[in-house]
Amino acid sequence: MAGVARRSPRDVVCVESAIKKCGATKQWSAALQLFAEASRRSSAVAPGCYLAAAGACGKGRQWQRALALLCQAWETRMERNVTLSYSVGTSACEKGGQWQRALALLGDMRESRLEPNATGHP
């Protein structure tokens, strides 16, 4: 397959880890830059990279960006019924003071017959 960028599992783990580190240090902008670079270099971005970038945005009180990444992930790569993605979204909304949106996501989870839990934020 000429012209298709290939990524090794090792590359994916490295990028995801770097994005998570940015989130842990509340450097959401750097996390988005790494995510954007990974997107440019590869024909597909791993679901974990979406979650890590959304988590970094949430920790940086950038709830709109976090939800936009999750919506993009749901539309392109991940199944919408992934409990962790809802956890990342509700956490981002909570940190951004958007409790109505957090409640809406929890309602969406219930409609999807998923059970929220208190663990698992990247």
PDB file of N, CA and C in Angstrom:
ATOM      1  N   MET A   1       0.833  -1.191   0.000  1.00  0.00           N
ATOM      2  CA  MET A   1       0.000   0.000   0.000  1.00  0.00           C
ATOM      3  C   MET A   1       0.873   1.247   0.000  1.00  0.00           C
ATOM      4  N   ALA A   2       1.183   1.703  -1.122  1.00  0.00           N
ATOM      5  CA  ALA A   2       2.032   2.883  -1.231  1.00  0.00           C
ATOM      6  C   ALA A   2       1.275   4.124  -0.788  1.00  0.00           C
ATOM      7  N   GLY A   3       1.959   4.999  -0.085  1.00  0.00           N
ATOM      8  CA  GLY A   3       1.372   6.271   0.309  1.00  0.00           C
ATOM      9  C   GLY A   3       0.577   6.238   1.602  1.00  0.00           C
ATOM     10  N   VAL A   4       0.324   5.058   2.167  1.00  0.00           N
ATOM     11  CA  VAL A   4      -0.426   4.978   3.417  1.00  0.00           C
ATOM     12  C   VAL A   4       0.562   4.953   4.565  1.00  0.00           C
ATOM     13  N   ALA A   5       0.396   5.881   5.481  1.00  0.00           N
ATOM     14  CA  ALA A   5       1.293   5.941   6.631  1.00  0.00           C
ATOM     15  C   ALA A   5       1.005   4.760   7.550  1.00  0.00           C
ATOM     16  N   ARG A   6       2.044   4.062   7.936  1.00  0.00           N
ATOM     17  CA  ARG A   6       1.896   2.935   8.856  1.00  0.00           C
ATOM     18  C   ARG A   6       2.413   3.382  10.216  1.00  0.00           C
ATOM     19  N   ARG A   7       1.788   2.840  11.233  1.00  0.00           N
ATOM     20  CA  ARG A   7       2.243   3.148  12.574  1.00  0.00           C
ATOM     21  C   ARG A   7       2.426   1.854  13.324  1.00  0.00           C
ATOM     22  N   SER A   8       3.488   1.791  14.066  1.00  0.00           N
ATOM     23  CA  SER A   8       3.721   0.592  14.850  1.00  0.00           C
ATOM     24  C   SER A   8       3.016   0.737  16.190  1.00  0.00           C
ATOM     25  N   PRO A   9       2.698  -0.381  16.827  1.00  0.00           N
ATOM     26  CA  PRO A   9       2.073  -0.292  18.155  1.00  0.00           C
ATOM     27  C   PRO A   9       2.931   0.507  19.129  1.00  0.00           C
ATOM     28  N   ARG A  10       4.238   0.418  18.966  1.00  0.00           N
ATOM     29  CA  ARG A  10       5.155   1.164  19.829  1.00  0.00           C
ATOM     30  C   ARG A  10       4.979   2.670  19.642  1.00  0.00           C
ATOM     31  N   ASP A  11       4.842   3.119  18.392  1.00  0.00           N
ATOM     32  CA  ASP A  11       4.621   4.539  18.116  1.00  0.00           C
ATOM     33  C   ASP A  11       3.334   5.033  18.760  1.00  0.00           C
ATOM     34  N   VAL A  12       2.286   4.222  18.654  1.00  0.00           N
ATOM     35  CA  VAL A  12       0.989   4.599  19.222  1.00  0.00           C
ATOM     36  C   VAL A  12       1.111   4.760  20.728  1.00  0.00           C
ATOM     37  N   VAL A  13       1.777   3.809  21.378  1.00  0.00           N
ATOM     38  CA  VAL A  13       1.947   3.872  22.833  1.00  0.00           C
ATOM     39  C   VAL A  13       2.754   5.100  23.222  1.00  0.00           C
ATOM     40  N   CYS A  14       3.788   5.413  22.477  1.00  0.00           N
ATOM     41  CA  CYS A  14       4.617   6.585  22.777  1.00  0.00           C
ATOM     42  C   CYS A  14       3.822   7.884  22.648  1.00  0.00           C
ATOM     43  N   VAL A  15       3.072   8.015  21.580  1.00  0.00           N
ATOM     44  CA  VAL A  15       2.283   9.232  21.368  1.00  0.00           C
ATOM     45  C   VAL A  15       1.220   9.361  22.452  1.00  0.00           C
ATOM     46  N   GLU A  16       0.516   8.276  22.712  1.00  0.00           N
ATOM     47  CA  GLU A  16      -0.523   8.306  23.746  1.00  0.00           C
ATOM     48  C   GLU A  16       0.072   8.650  25.101  1.00  0.00           C
ATOM     49  N   SER A  17       1.222   8.072  25.429  1.00  0.00           N
ATOM     50  CA  SER A  17       1.889   8.359  26.705  1.00  0.00           C
ATOM     51  C   SER A  17       2.311   9.822  26.801  1.00  0.00           C
ATOM     52  N   ALA A  18       2.820  10.363  25.719  1.00  0.00           N
ATOM     53  CA  ALA A  18       3.240  11.766  25.715  1.00  0.00           C
ATOM     54  C   ALA A  18       2.032  12.694  25.907  1.00  0.00           C
ATOM     55  N   ILE A  19       0.924  12.367  25.256  1.00  0.00           N
ATOM     56  CA  ILE A  19      -0.289  13.171  25.407  1.00  0.00           C
ATOM     57  C   ILE A  19      -0.794  13.092  26.841  1.00  0.00           C
ATOM     58  N   LYS A  20      -0.780  11.892  27.427  1.00  0.00           N
ATOM     59  CA  LYS A  20      -1.205  11.726  28.820  1.00  0.00           C
ATOM     60  C   LYS A  20      -0.315  12.535  29.763  1.00  0.00           C
ATOM     61  N   LYS A  21       0.982  12.544  29.504  1.00  0.00           N
ATOM     62  CA  LYS A  21       1.919  13.306  30.344  1.00  0.00           C
ATOM     63  C   LYS A  21       1.583  14.793  30.277  1.00  0.00           C
ATOM     64  N   CYS A  22       1.256  15.273  29.088  1.00  0.00           N
ATOM     65  CA  CYS A  22       0.837  16.673  28.956  1.00  0.00           C
ATOM     66  C   CYS A  22      -0.410  16.939  29.793  1.00  0.00           C
ATOM     67  N   GLY A  23      -1.339  16.008  29.776  1.00  0.00           N
ATOM     68  CA  GLY A  23      -2.553  16.162  30.574  1.00  0.00           C
ATOM     69  C   GLY A  23      -2.255  16.183  32.060  1.00  0.00           C
ATOM     70  N   ALA A  24      -1.357  15.308  32.494  1.00  0.00           N
ATOM     71  CA  ALA A  24      -1.006  15.234  33.914  1.00  0.00           C
ATOM     72  C   ALA A  24      -0.369  16.528  34.406  1.00  0.00           C
ATOM     73  N   THR A  25       0.283  17.233  33.504  1.00  0.00           N
ATOM     74  CA  THR A  25       0.934  18.500  33.877  1.00  0.00           C
ATOM     75  C   THR A  25       0.123  19.712  33.427  1.00  0.00           C
ATOM     76  N   LYS A  26      -1.144  19.451  33.052  1.00  0.00           N
ATOM     77  CA  LYS A  26      -2.095  20.491  32.655  1.00  0.00           C
ATOM     78  C   LYS A  26      -1.612  21.341  31.481  1.00  0.00           C
ATOM     79  N   GLN A  27      -0.940  20.692  30.546  1.00  0.00           N
ATOM     80  CA  GLN A  27      -0.478  21.357  29.329  1.00  0.00           C
ATOM     81  C   GLN A  27      -1.357  20.914  28.164  1.00  0.00           C
ATOM     82  N   TRP A  28      -2.623  21.330  28.201  1.00  0.00           N
ATOM     83  CA  TRP A  28      -3.588  20.891  27.206  1.00  0.00           C
ATOM     84  C   TRP A  28      -3.195  21.324  25.798  1.00  0.00           C
ATOM     85  N   SER A  29      -2.595  22.494  25.674  1.00  0.00           N
ATOM     86  CA  SER A  29      -2.200  22.986  24.353  1.00  0.00           C
ATOM     87  C   SER A  29      -1.131  22.089  23.729  1.00  0.00           C
ATOM     88  N   ALA A  30      -0.164  21.675  24.528  1.00  0.00           N
ATOM     89  CA  ALA A  30       0.877  20.774  24.035  1.00  0.00           C
ATOM     90  C   ALA A  30       0.272  19.419  23.668  1.00  0.00           C
ATOM     91  N   ALA A  31      -0.710  18.956  24.451  1.00  0.00           N
ATOM     92  CA  ALA A  31      -1.385  17.694  24.141  1.00  0.00           C
ATOM     93  C   ALA A  31      -2.079  17.776  22.785  1.00  0.00           C
ATOM     94  N   LEU A  32      -2.744  18.898  22.527  1.00  0.00           N
ATOM     95  CA  LEU A  32      -3.420  19.070  21.235  1.00  0.00           C
ATOM     96  C   LEU A  32      -2.416  19.138  20.088  1.00  0.00           C
ATOM     97  N   GLN A  33      -1.263  19.741  20.330  1.00  0.00           N
ATOM     98  CA  GLN A  33      -0.231  19.797  19.284  1.00  0.00           C
ATOM     99  C   GLN A  33       0.269  18.393  18.949  1.00  0.00           C
ATOM    100  N   LEU A  34       0.503  17.576  19.976  1.00  0.00           N
ATOM    101  CA  LEU A  34       0.942  16.201  19.746  1.00  0.00           C
ATOM    102  C   LEU A  34      -0.140  15.402  19.010  1.00  0.00           C
ATOM    103  N   PHE A  35      -1.385  15.595  19.413  1.00  0.00           N
ATOM    104  CA  PHE A  35      -2.494  14.911  18.752  1.00  0.00           C
ATOM    105  C   PHE A  35      -2.585  15.324  17.284  1.00  0.00           C
ATOM    106  N   ALA A  36      -2.466  16.619  17.026  1.00  0.00           N
ATOM    107  CA  ALA A  36      -2.531  17.117  15.648  1.00  0.00           C
ATOM    108  C   ALA A  36      -1.390  16.549  14.808  1.00  0.00           C
ATOM    109  N   GLU A  37      -0.203  16.483  15.380  1.00  0.00           N
ATOM    110  CA  GLU A  37       0.944  15.930  14.658  1.00  0.00           C
ATOM    111  C   GLU A  37       0.721  14.449  14.355  1.00  0.00           C
ATOM    112  N   ALA A  38       0.197  13.713  15.331  1.00  0.00           N
ATOM    113  CA  ALA A  38      -0.096  12.294  15.109  1.00  0.00           C
ATOM    114  C   ALA A  38      -1.147  12.137  14.014  1.00  0.00           C
ATOM    115  N   SER A  39      -2.113  13.022  13.990  1.00  0.00           N
ATOM    116  CA  SER A  39      -3.161  12.976  12.962  1.00  0.00           C
ATOM    117  C   SER A  39      -2.588  13.246  11.576  1.00  0.00           C
ATOM    118  N   ARG A  40      -1.647  14.177  11.486  1.00  0.00           N
ATOM    119  CA  ARG A  40      -1.026  14.491  10.195  1.00  0.00           C
ATOM    120  C   ARG A  40      -0.146  13.356   9.692  1.00  0.00           C
ATOM    121  N   ARG A  41       0.495  12.653  10.605  1.00  0.00           N
ATOM    122  CA  ARG A  41       1.444  11.615  10.224  1.00  0.00           C
ATOM    123  C   ARG A  41       0.799  10.273   9.907  1.00  0.00           C
ATOM    124  N   SER A  42      -0.423  10.070  10.349  1.00  0.00           N
ATOM    125  CA  SER A  42      -1.040   8.759  10.210  1.00  0.00           C
ATOM    126  C   SER A  42      -2.426   8.875   9.596  1.00  0.00           C
ATOM    127  N   SER A  43      -2.814   7.837   8.891  1.00  0.00           N
ATOM    128  CA  SER A  43      -4.151   7.840   8.305  1.00  0.00           C
ATOM    129  C   SER A  43      -5.220   7.583   9.356  1.00  0.00           C
ATOM    130  N   ALA A  44      -4.820   7.092  10.525  1.00  0.00           N
ATOM    131  CA  ALA A  44      -5.767   6.826  11.612  1.00  0.00           C
ATOM    132  C   ALA A  44      -5.078   7.099  12.944  1.00  0.00           C
ATOM    133  N   VAL A  45      -5.808   7.700  13.856  1.00  0.00           N
ATOM    134  CA  VAL A  45      -5.291   7.954  15.196  1.00  0.00           C
ATOM    135  C   VAL A  45      -5.950   6.962  16.136  1.00  0.00           C
ATOM    136  N   ALA A  46      -5.169   6.380  17.018  1.00  0.00           N
ATOM    137  CA  ALA A  46      -5.693   5.382  17.953  1.00  0.00           C
ATOM    138  C   ALA A  46      -6.721   6.000  18.893  1.00  0.00           C
ATOM    139  N   PRO A  47      -7.756   5.235  19.254  1.00  0.00           N
ATOM    140  CA  PRO A  47      -8.770   5.745  20.180  1.00  0.00           C
ATOM    141  C   PRO A  47      -8.184   6.273  21.490  1.00  0.00           C
ATOM    142  N   GLY A  48      -7.147   5.628  21.992  1.00  0.00           N
ATOM    143  CA  GLY A  48      -6.523   6.079  23.236  1.00  0.00           C
ATOM    144  C   GLY A  48      -5.941   7.479  23.129  1.00  0.00           C
ATOM    145  N   CYS A  49      -5.487   7.853  21.934  1.00  0.00           N
ATOM    146  CA  CYS A  49      -4.955   9.212  21.734  1.00  0.00           C
ATOM    147  C   CYS A  49      -6.073  10.245  21.827  1.00  0.00           C
ATOM    148  N   TYR A  50      -7.255   9.907  21.283  1.00  0.00           N
ATOM    149  CA  TYR A  50      -8.401  10.807  21.412  1.00  0.00           C
ATOM    150  C   TYR A  50      -8.737  11.016  22.889  1.00  0.00           C
ATOM    151  N   LEU A  51      -8.804   9.905  23.628  1.00  0.00           N
ATOM    152  CA  LEU A  51      -9.164   9.988  25.039  1.00  0.00           C
ATOM    153  C   LEU A  51      -8.123  10.753  25.842  1.00  0.00           C
ATOM    154  N   ALA A  52      -6.843  10.500  25.552  1.00  0.00           N
ATOM    155  CA  ALA A  52      -5.783  11.200  26.270  1.00  0.00           C
ATOM    156  C   ALA A  52      -5.833  12.704  25.989  1.00  0.00           C
ATOM    157  N   ALA A  53      -6.044  13.073  24.736  1.00  0.00           N
ATOM    158  CA  ALA A  53      -6.115  14.493  24.382  1.00  0.00           C
ATOM    159  C   ALA A  53      -7.354  15.145  24.995  1.00  0.00           C
ATOM    160  N   ALA A  54      -8.484  14.452  24.959  1.00  0.00           N
ATOM    161  CA  ALA A  54      -9.700  14.984  25.579  1.00  0.00           C
ATOM    162  C   ALA A  54      -9.521  15.118  27.080  1.00  0.00           C
ATOM    163  N   GLY A  55      -8.873  14.138  27.691  1.00  0.00           N
ATOM    164  CA  GLY A  55      -8.596  14.211  29.131  1.00  0.00           C
ATOM    165  C   GLY A  55      -7.700  15.384  29.480  1.00  0.00           C
ATOM    166  N   ALA A  56      -6.690  15.627  28.657  1.00  0.00           N
ATOM    167  CA  ALA A  56      -5.789  16.769  28.886  1.00  0.00           C
ATOM    168  C   ALA A  56      -6.556  18.080  28.776  1.00  0.00           C
ATOM    169  N   CYS A  57      -7.440  18.161  27.797  1.00  0.00           N
ATOM    170  CA  CYS A  57      -8.259  19.374  27.646  1.00  0.00           C
ATOM    171  C   CYS A  57      -9.171  19.563  28.853  1.00  0.00           C
ATOM    172  N   GLY A  58      -9.746  18.482  29.329  1.00  0.00           N
ATOM    173  CA  GLY A  58     -10.601  18.565  30.508  1.00  0.00           C
ATOM    174  C   GLY A  58      -9.854  19.054  31.723  1.00  0.00           C
ATOM    175  N   LYS A  59      -8.659  18.523  31.929  1.00  0.00           N
ATOM    176  CA  LYS A  59      -7.845  18.948  33.068  1.00  0.00           C
ATOM    177  C   LYS A  59      -7.440  20.409  32.950  1.00  0.00           C
ATOM    178  N   GLY A  60      -7.362  20.893  31.729  1.00  0.00           N
ATOM    179  CA  GLY A  60      -7.033  22.296  31.488  1.00  0.00           C
ATOM    180  C   GLY A  60      -8.261  23.186  31.407  1.00  0.00           C
ATOM    181  N   ARG A  61      -9.407  22.665  31.822  1.00  0.00           N
ATOM    182  CA  ARG A  61     -10.688  23.400  31.828  1.00  0.00           C
ATOM    183  C   ARG A  61     -11.117  23.838  30.427  1.00  0.00           C
ATOM    184  N   GLN A  62     -10.738  23.054  29.447  1.00  0.00           N
ATOM    185  CA  GLN A  62     -11.106  23.303  28.052  1.00  0.00           C
ATOM    186  C   GLN A  62     -12.190  22.294  27.657  1.00  0.00           C
ATOM    187  N   TRP A  63     -13.335  22.372  28.333  1.00  0.00           N
ATOM    188  CA  TRP A  63     -14.380  21.370  28.162  1.00  0.00           C
ATOM    189  C   TRP A  63     -14.913  21.322  26.733  1.00  0.00           C
ATOM    190  N   GLN A  64     -14.986  22.490  26.062  1.00  0.00           N
ATOM    191  CA  GLN A  64     -15.496  22.491  24.686  1.00  0.00           C
ATOM    192  C   GLN A  64     -14.585  21.679  23.769  1.00  0.00           C
ATOM    193  N   ARG A  65     -13.291  21.866  23.938  1.00  0.00           N
ATOM    194  CA  ARG A  65     -12.328  21.131  23.107  1.00  0.00           C
ATOM    195  C   ARG A  65     -12.382  19.635  23.423  1.00  0.00           C
ATOM    196  N   ALA A  66     -12.527  19.311  24.710  1.00  0.00           N
ATOM    197  CA  ALA A  66     -12.618  17.897  25.101  1.00  0.00           C
ATOM    198  C   ALA A  66     -13.829  17.236  24.458  1.00  0.00           C
ATOM    199  N   LEU A  67     -14.972  17.893  24.533  1.00  0.00           N
ATOM    200  CA  LEU A  67     -16.180  17.312  23.933  1.00  0.00           C
ATOM    201  C   LEU A  67     -16.076  17.232  22.413  1.00  0.00           C
ATOM    202  N   ALA A  68     -15.440  18.222  21.805  1.00  0.00           N
ATOM    203  CA  ALA A  68     -15.257  18.188  20.348  1.00  0.00           C
ATOM    204  C   ALA A  68     -14.401  16.985  19.941  1.00  0.00           C
ATOM    205  N   LEU A  69     -13.335  16.718  20.697  1.00  0.00           N
ATOM    206  CA  LEU A  69     -12.498  15.553  20.400  1.00  0.00           C
ATOM    207  C   LEU A  69     -13.279  14.258  20.580  1.00  0.00           C
ATOM    208  N   LEU A  70     -14.076  14.170  21.644  1.00  0.00           N
ATOM    209  CA  LEU A  70     -14.857  12.959  21.869  1.00  0.00           C
ATOM    210  C   LEU A  70     -15.890  12.753  20.770  1.00  0.00           C
ATOM    211  N   CYS A  71     -16.533  13.834  20.349  1.00  0.00           N
ATOM    212  CA  CYS A  71     -17.497  13.727  19.240  1.00  0.00           C
ATOM    213  C   CYS A  71     -16.797  13.250  17.976  1.00  0.00           C
ATOM    214  N   GLN A  72     -15.632  13.805  17.708  1.00  0.00           N
ATOM    215  CA  GLN A  72     -14.865  13.387  16.536  1.00  0.00           C
ATOM    216  C   GLN A  72     -14.487  11.910  16.643  1.00  0.00           C
ATOM    217  N   ALA A  73     -14.069  11.494  17.833  1.00  0.00           N
ATOM    218  CA  ALA A  73     -13.694  10.093  18.037  1.00  0.00           C
ATOM    219  C   ALA A  73     -14.895   9.182  17.835  1.00  0.00           C
ATOM    220  N   TRP A  74     -16.040   9.564  18.368  1.00  0.00           N
ATOM    221  CA  TRP A  74     -17.252   8.753  18.224  1.00  0.00           C
ATOM    222  C   TRP A  74     -17.653   8.650  16.761  1.00  0.00           C
ATOM    223  N   GLU A  75     -17.481   9.728  16.005  1.00  0.00           N
ATOM    224  CA  GLU A  75     -17.876   9.729  14.596  1.00  0.00           C
ATOM    225  C   GLU A  75     -16.912   8.941  13.710  1.00  0.00           C
ATOM    226  N   THR A  76     -15.648   8.889  14.103  1.00  0.00           N
ATOM    227  CA  THR A  76     -14.657   8.322  13.199  1.00  0.00           C
ATOM    228  C   THR A  76     -13.998   7.031  13.655  1.00  0.00           C
ATOM    229  N   ARG A  77     -13.775   6.871  14.919  1.00  0.00           N
ATOM    230  CA  ARG A  77     -12.931   5.761  15.344  1.00  0.00           C
ATOM    231  C   ARG A  77     -13.529   4.870  16.427  1.00  0.00           C
ATOM    232  N   MET A  78     -14.143   5.448  17.397  1.00  0.00           N
ATOM    233  CA  MET A  78     -14.554   4.690  18.571  1.00  0.00           C
ATOM    234  C   MET A  78     -16.053   4.450  18.580  1.00  0.00           C
ATOM    235  N   GLU A  79     -16.443   3.402  19.253  1.00  0.00           N
ATOM    236  CA  GLU A  79     -17.859   3.177  19.471  1.00  0.00           C
ATOM    237  C   GLU A  79     -18.323   4.136  20.558  1.00  0.00           C
ATOM    238  N   ARG A  80     -19.506   4.665  20.382  1.00  0.00           N
ATOM    239  CA  ARG A  80     -20.009   5.645  21.326  1.00  0.00           C
ATOM    240  C   ARG A  80     -20.314   5.030  22.689  1.00  0.00           C
ATOM    241  N   ASN A  81     -20.419   3.727  22.783  1.00  0.00           N
ATOM    242  CA  ASN A  81     -20.762   3.121  24.049  1.00  0.00           C
ATOM    243  C   ASN A  81     -19.562   2.826  24.939  1.00  0.00           C
ATOM    244  N   VAL A  82     -18.444   3.415  24.678  1.00  0.00           N
ATOM    245  CA  VAL A  82     -17.266   3.222  25.506  1.00  0.00           C
ATOM    246  C   VAL A  82     -17.434   4.062  26.773  1.00  0.00           C
ATOM    247  N   THR A  83     -17.555   3.374  27.904  1.00  0.00           N
ATOM    248  CA  THR A  83     -17.808   4.046  29.179  1.00  0.00           C
ATOM    249  C   THR A  83     -16.728   5.069  29.500  1.00  0.00           C
ATOM    250  N   LEU A  84     -15.489   4.759  29.203  1.00  0.00           N
ATOM    251  CA  LEU A  84     -14.408   5.679  29.533  1.00  0.00           C
ATOM    252  C   LEU A  84     -14.545   7.004  28.805  1.00  0.00           C
ATOM    253  N   SER A  85     -14.999   6.993  27.574  1.00  0.00           N
ATOM    254  CA  SER A  85     -15.150   8.254  26.854  1.00  0.00           C
ATOM    255  C   SER A  85     -16.209   9.135  27.510  1.00  0.00           C
ATOM    256  N   TYR A  86     -17.270   8.527  28.009  1.00  0.00           N
ATOM    257  CA  TYR A  86     -18.268   9.304  28.736  1.00  0.00           C
ATOM    258  C   TYR A  86     -17.674   9.859  30.038  1.00  0.00           C
ATOM    259  N   SER A  87     -16.847   9.058  30.705  1.00  0.00           N
ATOM    260  CA  SER A  87     -16.210   9.520  31.936  1.00  0.00           C
ATOM    261  C   SER A  87     -15.316  10.726  31.679  1.00  0.00           C
ATOM    262  N   VAL A  88     -14.554  10.669  30.594  1.00  0.00           N
ATOM    263  CA  VAL A  88     -13.694  11.789  30.223  1.00  0.00           C
ATOM    264  C   VAL A  88     -14.542  13.029  29.937  1.00  0.00           C
ATOM    265  N   GLY A  89     -15.637  12.847  29.214  1.00  0.00           N
ATOM    266  CA  GLY A  89     -16.522  13.965  28.880  1.00  0.00           C
ATOM    267  C   GLY A  89     -17.170  14.583  30.098  1.00  0.00           C
ATOM    268  N   THR A  90     -17.695  13.755  31.001  1.00  0.00           N
ATOM    269  CA  THR A  90     -18.339  14.302  32.202  1.00  0.00           C
ATOM    270  C   THR A  90     -17.316  14.982  33.103  1.00  0.00           C
ATOM    271  N   SER A  91     -16.124  14.428  33.175  1.00  0.00           N
ATOM    272  CA  SER A  91     -15.068  15.045  33.976  1.00  0.00           C
ATOM    273  C   SER A  91     -14.683  16.410  33.412  1.00  0.00           C
ATOM    274  N   ALA A  92     -14.553  16.498  32.100  1.00  0.00           N
ATOM    275  CA  ALA A  92     -14.214  17.780  31.462  1.00  0.00           C
ATOM    276  C   ALA A  92     -15.299  18.820  31.737  1.00  0.00           C
ATOM    277  N   CYS A  93     -16.555  18.404  31.629  1.00  0.00           N
ATOM    278  CA  CYS A  93     -17.662  19.332  31.897  1.00  0.00           C
ATOM    279  C   CYS A  93     -17.665  19.764  33.355  1.00  0.00           C
ATOM    280  N   GLU A  94     -17.416  18.835  34.246  1.00  0.00           N
ATOM    281  CA  GLU A  94     -17.370  19.156  35.680  1.00  0.00           C
ATOM    282  C   GLU A  94     -16.276  20.169  35.973  1.00  0.00           C
ATOM    283  N   LYS A  95     -15.088  19.942  35.437  1.00  0.00           N
ATOM    284  CA  LYS A  95     -13.967  20.857  35.675  1.00  0.00           C
ATOM    285  C   LYS A  95     -14.222  22.235  35.071  1.00  0.00           C
ATOM    286  N   GLY A  96     -15.016  22.275  34.006  1.00  0.00           N
ATOM    287  CA  GLY A  96     -15.349  23.540  33.360  1.00  0.00           C
ATOM    288  C   GLY A  96     -16.603  24.200  33.912  1.00  0.00           C
ATOM    289  N   GLY A  97     -17.164  23.626  34.987  1.00  0.00           N
ATOM    290  CA  GLY A  97     -18.353  24.208  35.588  1.00  0.00           C
ATOM    291  C   GLY A  97     -19.610  24.025  34.751  1.00  0.00           C
ATOM    292  N   GLN A  98     -19.629  23.040  33.895  1.00  0.00           N
ATOM    293  CA  GLN A  98     -20.759  22.785  32.993  1.00  0.00           C
ATOM    294  C   GLN A  98     -21.568  21.592  33.493  1.00  0.00           C
ATOM    295  N   TRP A  99     -22.176  21.731  34.664  1.00  0.00           N
ATOM    296  CA  TRP A  99     -22.860  20.598  35.278  1.00  0.00           C
ATOM    297  C   TRP A  99     -24.062  20.130  34.460  1.00  0.00           C
ATOM    298  N   GLN A 100     -24.741  21.051  33.746  1.00  0.00           N
ATOM    299  CA  GLN A 100     -25.880  20.625  32.925  1.00  0.00           C
ATOM    300  C   GLN A 100     -25.429  19.687  31.808  1.00  0.00           C
ATOM    301  N   ARG A 101     -24.298  20.013  31.206  1.00  0.00           N
ATOM    302  CA  ARG A 101     -23.771  19.158  30.135  1.00  0.00           C
ATOM    303  C   ARG A 101     -23.300  17.816  30.691  1.00  0.00           C
ATOM    304  N   ALA A 102     -22.696  17.849  31.880  1.00  0.00           N
ATOM    305  CA  ALA A 102     -22.274  16.600  32.515  1.00  0.00           C
ATOM    306  C   ALA A 102     -23.490  15.711  32.787  1.00  0.00           C
ATOM    307  N   LEU A 103     -24.560  16.303  33.271  1.00  0.00           N
ATOM    308  CA  LEU A 103     -25.777  15.532  33.521  1.00  0.00           C
ATOM    309  C   LEU A 103     -26.367  14.985  32.225  1.00  0.00           C
ATOM    310  N   ALA A 104     -26.293  15.773  31.156  1.00  0.00           N
ATOM    311  CA  ALA A 104     -26.793  15.300  29.854  1.00  0.00           C
ATOM    312  C   ALA A 104     -25.995  14.087  29.380  1.00  0.00           C
ATOM    313  N   LEU A 105     -24.670  14.115  29.565  1.00  0.00           N
ATOM    314  CA  LEU A 105     -23.849  12.959  29.186  1.00  0.00           C
ATOM    315  C   LEU A 105     -24.210  11.740  30.032  1.00  0.00           C
ATOM    316  N   LEU A 106     -24.431  11.952  31.334  1.00  0.00           N
ATOM    317  CA  LEU A 106     -24.829  10.835  32.184  1.00  0.00           C
ATOM    318  C   LEU A 106     -26.173  10.259  31.745  1.00  0.00           C
ATOM    319  N   GLY A 107     -27.100  11.146  31.346  1.00  0.00           N
ATOM    320  CA  GLY A 107     -28.380  10.688  30.825  1.00  0.00           C
ATOM    321  C   GLY A 107     -28.211   9.885  29.544  1.00  0.00           C
ATOM    322  N   ASP A 108     -27.301  10.338  28.687  1.00  0.00           N
ATOM    323  CA  ASP A 108     -27.013   9.630  27.442  1.00  0.00           C
ATOM    324  C   ASP A 108     -26.445   8.241  27.745  1.00  0.00           C
ATOM    325  N   MET A 109     -25.597   8.159  28.770  1.00  0.00           N
ATOM    326  CA  MET A 109     -25.046   6.866  29.184  1.00  0.00           C
ATOM    327  C   MET A 109     -26.160   5.922  29.603  1.00  0.00           C
ATOM    328  N   ARG A 110     -27.060   6.435  30.410  1.00  0.00           N
ATOM    329  CA  ARG A 110     -28.183   5.612  30.897  1.00  0.00           C
ATOM    330  C   ARG A 110     -29.028   5.117  29.719  1.00  0.00           C
ATOM    331  N   GLU A 111     -29.296   6.000  28.751  1.00  0.00           N
ATOM    332  CA  GLU A 111     -30.064   5.597  27.578  1.00  0.00           C
ATOM    333  C   GLU A 111     -29.351   4.500  26.793  1.00  0.00           C
ATOM    334  N   SER A 112     -28.032   4.528  26.827  1.00  0.00           N
ATOM    335  CA  SER A 112     -27.234   3.508  26.142  1.00  0.00           C
ATOM    336  C   SER A 112     -27.049   2.259  26.993  1.00  0.00           C
ATOM    337  N   ARG A 113     -27.679   2.267  28.166  1.00  0.00           N
ATOM    338  CA  ARG A 113     -27.598   1.159  29.122  1.00  0.00           C
ATOM    339  C   ARG A 113     -26.180   0.921  29.616  1.00  0.00           C
ATOM    340  N   LEU A 114     -25.447   2.001  29.801  1.00  0.00           N
ATOM    341  CA  LEU A 114     -24.116   1.936  30.394  1.00  0.00           C
ATOM    342  C   LEU A 114     -24.210   2.447  31.817  1.00  0.00           C
ATOM    343  N   GLU A 115     -23.396   1.895  32.685  1.00  0.00           N
ATOM    344  CA  GLU A 115     -23.389   2.322  34.073  1.00  0.00           C
ATOM    345  C   GLU A 115     -22.159   3.186  34.343  1.00  0.00           C
ATOM    346  N   PRO A 116     -22.381   4.417  34.806  1.00  0.00           N
ATOM    347  CA  PRO A 116     -21.232   5.265  35.169  1.00  0.00           C
ATOM    348  C   PRO A 116     -20.520   4.688  36.390  1.00  0.00           C
ATOM    349  N   ASN A 117     -19.229   4.972  36.494  1.00  0.00           N
ATOM    350  CA  ASN A 117     -18.476   4.581  37.686  1.00  0.00           C
ATOM    351  C   ASN A 117     -17.549   5.705  38.059  1.00  0.00           C
ATOM    352  N   ALA A 118     -16.901   5.572  39.194  1.00  0.00           N
ATOM    353  CA  ALA A 118     -16.075   6.648  39.729  1.00  0.00           C
ATOM    354  C   ALA A 118     -14.611   6.455  39.408  1.00  0.00           C
ATOM    355  N   THR A 119     -14.259   5.562  38.499  1.00  0.00           N
ATOM    356  CA  THR A 119     -12.853   5.315  38.203  1.00  0.00           C
ATOM    357  C   THR A 119     -12.575   5.529  36.722  1.00  0.00           C
ATOM    358  N   GLY A 120     -11.290   5.596  36.412  1.00  0.00           N
ATOM    359  CA  GLY A 120     -10.895   5.515  35.022  1.00  0.00           C
ATOM    360  C   GLY A 120     -10.661   6.798  34.260  1.00  0.00           C
ATOM    361  N   HIS A 121     -10.446   7.914  34.923  1.00  0.00           N
ATOM    362  CA  HIS A 121     -10.141   9.127  34.168  1.00  0.00           C
ATOM    363  C   HIS A 121      -8.688   9.123  33.751  1.00  0.00           C
ATOM    364  N   PRO A 122      -8.411   9.305  32.450  1.00  0.00           N
ATOM    365  CA  PRO A 122      -7.003   9.346  32.008  1.00  0.00           C
ATOM    366  C   PRO A 122      -6.319  10.609  32.457  1.00  0.00           C
TER     367      PRO A 122
END
